[in-house]
Protein backbone atom coordinates (compact mmCIF):
# COMPACT_ATOMS: atom_id res chain seq x y z
CA MET A 1 -3.15 -6.38 2.26
CA LYS A 2 -6.36 -5.30 1.19
CA PRO A 3 -7.98 -2.24 3.82
CA ASN A 4 -10.45 -4.20 4.59
CA THR A 5 -8.33 -7.37 6.06
CA ILE A 6 -6.49 -4.95 7.82
CA ARG A 7 -9.72 -3.63 9.16
CA GLN A 8 -11.02 -7.30 10.11
CA ARG A 9 -7.73 -7.98 11.55
CA GLU A 10 -7.42 -4.83 13.90
CA GLN A 11 -10.55 -5.71 14.86
CA LEU A 12 -9.82 -9.04 15.67
CA THR A 13 -6.92 -7.93 17.62
CA GLY A 14 -8.74 -5.76 19.75
CA TRP A 15 -11.52 -8.22 20.55
CA LEU A 16 -8.85 -10.42 21.56
CA LEU A 17 -7.13 -7.46 24.00
CA ALA A 18 -10.52 -6.70 25.31
CA LEU A 19 -11.37 -10.64 26.17
CA PRO A 20 -9.88 -11.00 29.71
CA ALA A 21 -11.79 -7.56 30.53
CA LEU A 22 -15.02 -8.93 29.24
CA LEU A 23 -14.20 -11.90 30.95
CA LEU A 24 -13.78 -10.12 34.30
CA LEU A 25 -17.45 -7.91 33.78
CA LEU A 26 -19.06 -11.12 33.48
CA LEU A 27 -17.68 -12.57 36.41
CA VAL A 28 -18.10 -9.50 38.42
CA PHE A 29 -21.53 -8.32 37.13
CA ALA A 30 -22.97 -10.48 34.94
CA TYR A 31 -22.93 -13.63 37.27
CA PRO A 32 -24.03 -11.96 40.73
CA ILE A 33 -27.12 -9.84 38.53
CA GLY A 34 -27.81 -13.44 37.25
CA ARG A 35 -27.77 -15.20 40.41
CA ALA A 36 -29.72 -12.28 42.02
CA PHE A 37 -32.89 -12.34 39.26
CA TRP A 38 -33.07 -16.71 39.85
CA LEU A 39 -33.08 -16.11 43.57
CA SER A 40 -36.17 -13.43 43.00
CA LEU A 41 -38.12 -16.47 41.60
CA PHE A 42 -38.57 -17.70 44.73
CA THR A 43 -39.61 -17.30 48.15
CA ARG A 44 -38.68 -19.07 51.34
CA ASN A 45 -41.03 -19.98 53.91
CA LEU A 46 -39.73 -19.49 57.57
CA GLY A 47 -41.80 -22.29 59.20
CA THR A 48 -41.08 -24.92 61.20
CA GLU A 49 -39.02 -26.13 58.34
CA LEU A 50 -37.07 -23.55 56.02
CA GLN A 51 -38.99 -23.96 52.10
CA THR A 52 -37.98 -22.48 49.00
CA VAL A 53 -41.18 -22.17 46.92
CA PHE A 54 -41.05 -21.26 43.15
CA ASN A 55 -43.09 -18.11 42.73
CA GLY A 56 -41.85 -16.77 39.26
CA LEU A 57 -42.80 -13.12 38.93
CA GLU A 58 -44.76 -12.37 42.16
CA ASN A 59 -41.87 -10.79 43.61
CA TYR A 60 -41.97 -7.83 41.69
CA ALA A 61 -45.67 -7.67 41.47
CA ARG A 62 -45.34 -7.38 45.29
CA MET A 63 -43.02 -4.68 44.95
CA LEU A 64 -45.81 -2.69 43.02
CA GLY A 65 -47.56 -2.30 45.78
CA ASP A 66 -44.65 -1.67 48.33
CA GLY A 67 -45.27 1.80 49.94
CA ARG A 68 -41.96 1.30 51.69
CA PHE A 69 -40.11 0.60 48.47
CA TRP A 70 -41.24 3.54 46.56
CA SER A 71 -40.47 5.97 49.58
CA SER A 72 -37.38 4.96 49.71
CA LEU A 73 -36.99 5.03 45.59
CA THR A 74 -38.05 8.84 46.48
CA HIS A 75 -35.76 9.24 49.06
CA SER A 76 -33.14 8.04 47.20
CA THR A 77 -33.71 10.19 43.97
CA VAL A 78 -34.19 13.41 45.75
CA PHE A 79 -30.77 13.13 47.93
CA THR A 80 -28.74 11.53 44.20
CA ALA A 81 -30.64 14.83 42.85
CA ILE A 82 -29.75 17.66 45.20
CA SER A 83 -26.54 16.27 46.03
CA ILE A 84 -25.49 15.49 42.45
CA SER A 85 -26.57 19.28 41.61
CA LEU A 86 -24.73 20.70 44.39
CA GLU A 87 -21.78 18.51 43.49
CA LEU A 88 -21.44 19.41 40.10
CA ALA A 89 -21.52 23.23 40.67
CA ILE A 90 -19.14 23.39 43.70
CA GLY A 91 -16.67 20.90 41.67
CA THR A 92 -16.85 23.09 38.42
CA GLY A 93 -15.66 26.23 40.70
CA ILE A 94 -12.67 24.26 42.55
CA ALA A 95 -11.93 22.85 39.26
CA LEU A 96 -11.46 25.96 37.80
CA THR A 97 -9.55 27.49 40.58
CA LEU A 98 -7.60 24.70 41.05
CA ASN A 99 -6.73 25.26 37.22
CA GLN A 100 -4.89 28.43 37.96
CA ALA A 101 -1.49 28.98 38.25
CA PHE A 102 -0.61 30.50 41.98
CA ARG A 103 1.92 29.68 44.32
CA GLY A 104 1.19 26.38 46.15
CA ARG A 105 -1.02 25.27 43.83
CA GLY A 106 -0.13 21.27 44.37
CA LEU A 107 -0.97 21.65 48.09
CA VAL A 108 -3.98 22.83 47.56
CA ARG A 109 -4.65 19.96 44.98
CA THR A 110 -3.61 17.76 47.62
CA VAL A 111 -5.65 19.12 50.40
CA ALA A 112 -8.45 19.54 48.83
CA ILE A 113 -8.85 15.65 47.86
CA LEU A 114 -8.49 14.60 51.56
CA PRO A 115 -12.20 14.65 51.82
CA TRP A 116 -13.19 12.42 49.20
CA ALA A 117 -10.41 9.71 50.66
CA LEU A 118 -11.63 9.80 53.98
CA PRO A 119 -13.22 6.56 54.93
CA THR A 120 -17.27 6.99 54.85
CA ALA A 121 -18.11 5.81 57.94
CA VAL A 122 -15.65 7.71 60.00
CA MET A 123 -16.47 10.61 58.37
CA ALA A 124 -20.03 9.88 58.76
CA LEU A 125 -19.77 9.36 62.54
CA ALA A 126 -17.91 13.13 62.47
CA TRP A 127 -20.86 14.64 60.42
CA ALA A 128 -23.38 13.06 63.13
CA TRP A 129 -21.36 14.71 65.91
CA ILE A 130 -21.34 18.05 64.01
CA PHE A 131 -24.93 17.84 64.19
CA ASN A 132 -26.21 17.00 67.12
CA ASP A 133 -28.46 18.78 69.12
CA GLN A 134 -26.66 18.78 72.40
CA TYR A 135 -23.34 19.70 71.44
CA GLY A 136 -23.24 20.13 68.13
CA ILE A 137 -20.78 22.52 66.16
CA VAL A 138 -23.70 23.73 63.95
CA ASN A 139 -26.00 24.83 66.93
CA ASP A 140 -22.96 26.19 69.03
CA LEU A 141 -22.07 28.62 65.81
CA LEU A 142 -25.70 29.68 65.31
CA LEU A 143 -26.21 30.19 68.62
CA ARG A 144 -22.99 32.37 68.91
CA VAL A 145 -23.74 34.53 65.64
CA GLY A 146 -27.28 34.69 67.19
CA LEU A 147 -28.95 33.05 63.97
CA ILE A 148 -30.55 30.88 66.70
CA ASP A 149 -32.01 31.01 70.18
CA GLN A 150 -32.26 27.21 70.79
CA SER A 151 -30.58 24.43 69.68
CA ILE A 152 -32.15 22.67 66.39
CA THR A 153 -32.47 18.90 66.17
CA TRP A 154 -30.95 18.42 63.00
CA LEU A 155 -31.26 14.92 62.74
CA GLY A 156 -34.62 14.45 64.43
CA ASP A 157 -36.71 16.21 61.37
CA PRO A 158 -36.88 14.89 58.28
CA VAL A 159 -36.36 18.05 56.12
CA ARG A 160 -33.26 19.11 57.97
CA ALA A 161 -31.98 15.30 58.47
CA MET A 162 -32.17 14.90 54.73
CA LEU A 163 -30.46 18.61 53.89
CA ALA A 164 -27.85 17.11 56.98
CA LEU A 165 -26.97 14.32 54.86
CA VAL A 166 -26.85 15.82 51.36
CA VAL A 167 -23.86 18.49 53.38
CA ALA A 168 -21.98 15.10 54.49
CA ASP A 169 -22.11 13.75 51.04
CA VAL A 170 -21.36 16.81 49.50
CA TRP A 171 -18.42 17.54 51.46
CA LYS A 172 -17.13 14.17 50.91
CA THR A 173 -17.70 13.58 47.12
CA THR A 174 -17.45 17.02 45.48
CA PRO A 175 -13.60 16.90 45.17
CA PHE A 176 -13.66 13.49 43.11
CA ILE A 177 -15.59 15.66 40.68
CA ALA A 178 -13.14 18.60 40.86
CA VAL A 179 -10.63 16.07 39.81
CA ILE A 180 -12.18 14.46 37.11
CA LEU A 181 -13.57 18.39 35.63
CA LEU A 182 -10.01 19.73 36.29
CA ALA A 183 -8.28 16.83 34.12
CA GLY A 184 -10.71 18.09 31.61
CA LEU A 185 -9.68 21.70 31.98
CA GLN A 186 -6.14 20.71 31.62
CA ALA A 187 -6.65 18.90 28.00
CA ILE A 188 -8.29 22.07 26.72
CA PRO A 189 -5.92 23.80 24.28
CA GLU A 190 -4.63 27.43 25.75
CA ASP A 191 -4.75 28.42 21.87
CA LEU A 192 -8.91 28.27 21.99
CA TYR A 193 -8.85 30.94 24.63
CA GLU A 194 -6.17 32.88 22.85
CA ALA A 195 -8.11 33.09 19.73
CA HIS A 196 -11.72 34.04 21.46
CA SER A 197 -10.00 36.50 23.11
CA ILE A 198 -8.53 38.24 20.23
CA ASP A 199 -12.03 38.13 18.60
CA GLY A 200 -13.11 40.02 21.81
CA ALA A 201 -14.44 37.75 23.95
CA ASN A 202 -14.91 38.12 27.96
CA PRO A 203 -14.06 35.83 30.46
CA TRP A 204 -17.67 34.52 30.95
CA GLN A 205 -18.28 34.19 27.14
CA ASN A 206 -14.56 32.08 27.12
CA PHE A 207 -16.55 29.95 30.07
CA VAL A 208 -19.66 29.72 28.19
CA LYS A 209 -18.43 29.10 24.42
CA ILE A 210 -15.56 27.09 25.34
CA THR A 211 -15.35 25.39 28.72
CA LEU A 212 -18.32 24.18 28.97
CA PRO A 213 -18.66 22.93 25.74
CA LEU A 214 -15.82 20.69 25.96
CA LEU A 215 -16.03 19.88 29.14
CA ALA A 216 -19.50 18.41 28.96
CA PRO A 217 -18.12 15.03 28.38
CA GLN A 218 -15.90 15.00 31.66
CA MET A 219 -19.22 16.39 33.64
CA VAL A 220 -21.62 13.57 32.25
CA ILE A 221 -18.59 11.26 33.03
CA ALA A 222 -18.61 12.66 36.55
CA VAL A 223 -22.60 12.84 37.05
CA LEU A 224 -22.67 8.54 36.10
CA PHE A 225 -20.25 8.09 38.50
CA ARG A 226 -22.00 9.80 41.79
CA PHE A 227 -25.33 8.56 40.33
CA ALA A 228 -24.06 5.25 41.07
CA GLN A 229 -22.37 6.05 44.38
CA ALA A 230 -25.20 8.32 45.56
CA PHE A 231 -28.37 6.16 44.90
CA GLY A 232 -26.72 3.55 46.31
CA ALA A 233 -25.09 5.69 49.04
CA PHE A 234 -25.56 3.05 52.69
CA GLU A 235 -22.71 3.54 55.15
CA LEU A 236 -23.31 7.49 55.16
CA ILE A 237 -27.48 6.91 56.07
CA LEU A 238 -26.46 3.84 58.08
CA VAL A 239 -24.09 6.00 60.57
CA MET A 240 -25.73 9.46 60.51
CA THR A 241 -29.56 8.44 60.80
CA GLY A 242 -30.08 5.23 60.40
CA GLY A 243 -33.03 5.88 58.08
CA GLY A 244 -34.85 7.85 60.52
CA PRO A 245 -36.65 9.70 61.47
CA ALA A 246 -40.06 7.62 61.08
CA GLY A 247 -38.12 6.28 57.96
CA ALA A 248 -37.99 9.89 56.37
CA THR A 249 -34.22 9.22 55.02
CA GLU A 250 -34.58 5.31 54.18
CA MET A 251 -32.57 4.50 50.76
CA VAL A 252 -32.97 1.79 48.58
CA SER A 253 -29.92 0.20 49.50
CA LEU A 254 -30.83 0.48 53.57
CA TYR A 255 -34.50 -1.22 52.74
CA ILE A 256 -32.64 -3.71 50.74
CA TYR A 257 -30.50 -4.56 53.83
CA ASP A 258 -33.20 -4.80 56.26
CA THR A 259 -35.18 -7.32 53.95
CA VAL A 260 -32.26 -9.62 53.77
CA MET A 261 -30.38 -9.22 56.66
CA ARG A 262 -33.11 -8.32 58.79
CA TYR A 263 -36.37 -10.19 57.93
CA LEU A 264 -34.42 -12.95 55.85
CA ASP A 265 -36.65 -12.13 52.68
CA PHE A 266 -33.80 -13.33 50.46
CA GLY A 267 -35.94 -13.57 46.98
CA TYR A 268 -37.76 -10.19 47.34
CA GLY A 269 -34.21 -8.57 48.76
CA ALA A 270 -32.92 -10.29 45.28
CA ALA A 271 -36.12 -8.58 43.29
CA LEU A 272 -35.13 -5.20 44.87
CA ILE A 273 -31.65 -5.63 43.67
CA VAL A 274 -32.43 -6.89 40.02
CA VAL A 275 -34.33 -3.40 39.76
CA THR A 276 -32.31 -1.02 41.31
CA PHE A 277 -29.71 -2.53 38.80
CA LEU A 278 -31.87 -2.04 35.98
CA ILE A 279 -32.20 1.74 37.03
CA LEU A 280 -28.71 2.17 37.09
CA ILE A 281 -28.33 0.40 33.64
CA ILE A 282 -31.01 3.14 32.18
CA ALA A 283 -28.70 6.12 33.96
CA VAL A 284 -25.66 4.49 31.86
CA ALA A 285 -27.60 4.29 29.02
CA ILE A 286 -28.80 7.95 29.08
CA ALA A 287 -25.28 8.97 30.03
CA SER A 288 -23.74 7.30 27.30
CA PHE A 289 -26.39 9.23 24.99
CA LEU A 290 -25.34 12.48 26.34
CA ILE A 291 -21.96 11.68 25.56
CA SER A 292 -22.07 10.98 22.20
CA LYS A 293 -24.07 14.26 21.67
CA THR A 294 -21.89 16.71 23.44
CA ARG A 295 -18.43 15.20 22.10
CA ILE A 296 -17.23 17.85 20.37
CA ASP A 297 -13.35 18.33 18.48
CA VAL A 298 -11.70 21.27 18.01
CA THR A 299 -13.12 22.47 14.75
CA GLY A 300 -16.47 22.41 16.77
CA GLU A 301 -17.74 20.22 14.61
CA ARG A 302 -20.36 17.49 16.64
């Protein structure tokens, strides 16, 4: 049998095997987004009678002048960027630690993943209590060590409220990044480190020359997952701050929720969903490009 024929049959078999997954993706993602785009072309007038009026792209034009949308988009971007940066740095350190051989490593790995397994709403409520200005443990500890002389209103100040959200999110989701990076570390051959050490390399040089390049694809994947989760954070913000104070921590997800569920503006809410989805798609495209550029084989060829 000719090589081209074998290759065509393998490609056909691959498409047939992937067909159920592709159909599932169309059902789960394509249809809801397509439906949201269709709804975004209409406006519901809430008067004596409920009327649906086709308005084309007016909802998207309205979005350009919506200061609240751009403010929530800025808050989501800042929250996502700070959280992911801290989670990646801390998660890398945790993964490197858990990759070492020591007694009780299995138990430590299990305990390290517990914060990520906790329900977000329950965790957010606990952190809201921790940062409470009257009986929160943060103020109590700072007062005991003498760093402050009076209680701080953490969730009542725009900057401190955002900081509290970042701390809570980093505490919960850093183990997720650590697990992904730990899997990547375990796939790196030990022979590479031994050969590099024979050449006189120290641990830091091993980390920079071997660990980071070979771990880059896992880092990009972890950042991709966390970007989608952090940019769409909802329960954490709703429980801890509710978007306050004065909308200083209102994220895009919370604004969409209020638009649809509180103001019953389904067309504009659908337009917000479509735009947010496009932002995530762009992030996926950028991440895929980075993965293709950072994939390195054992020989060091790109």
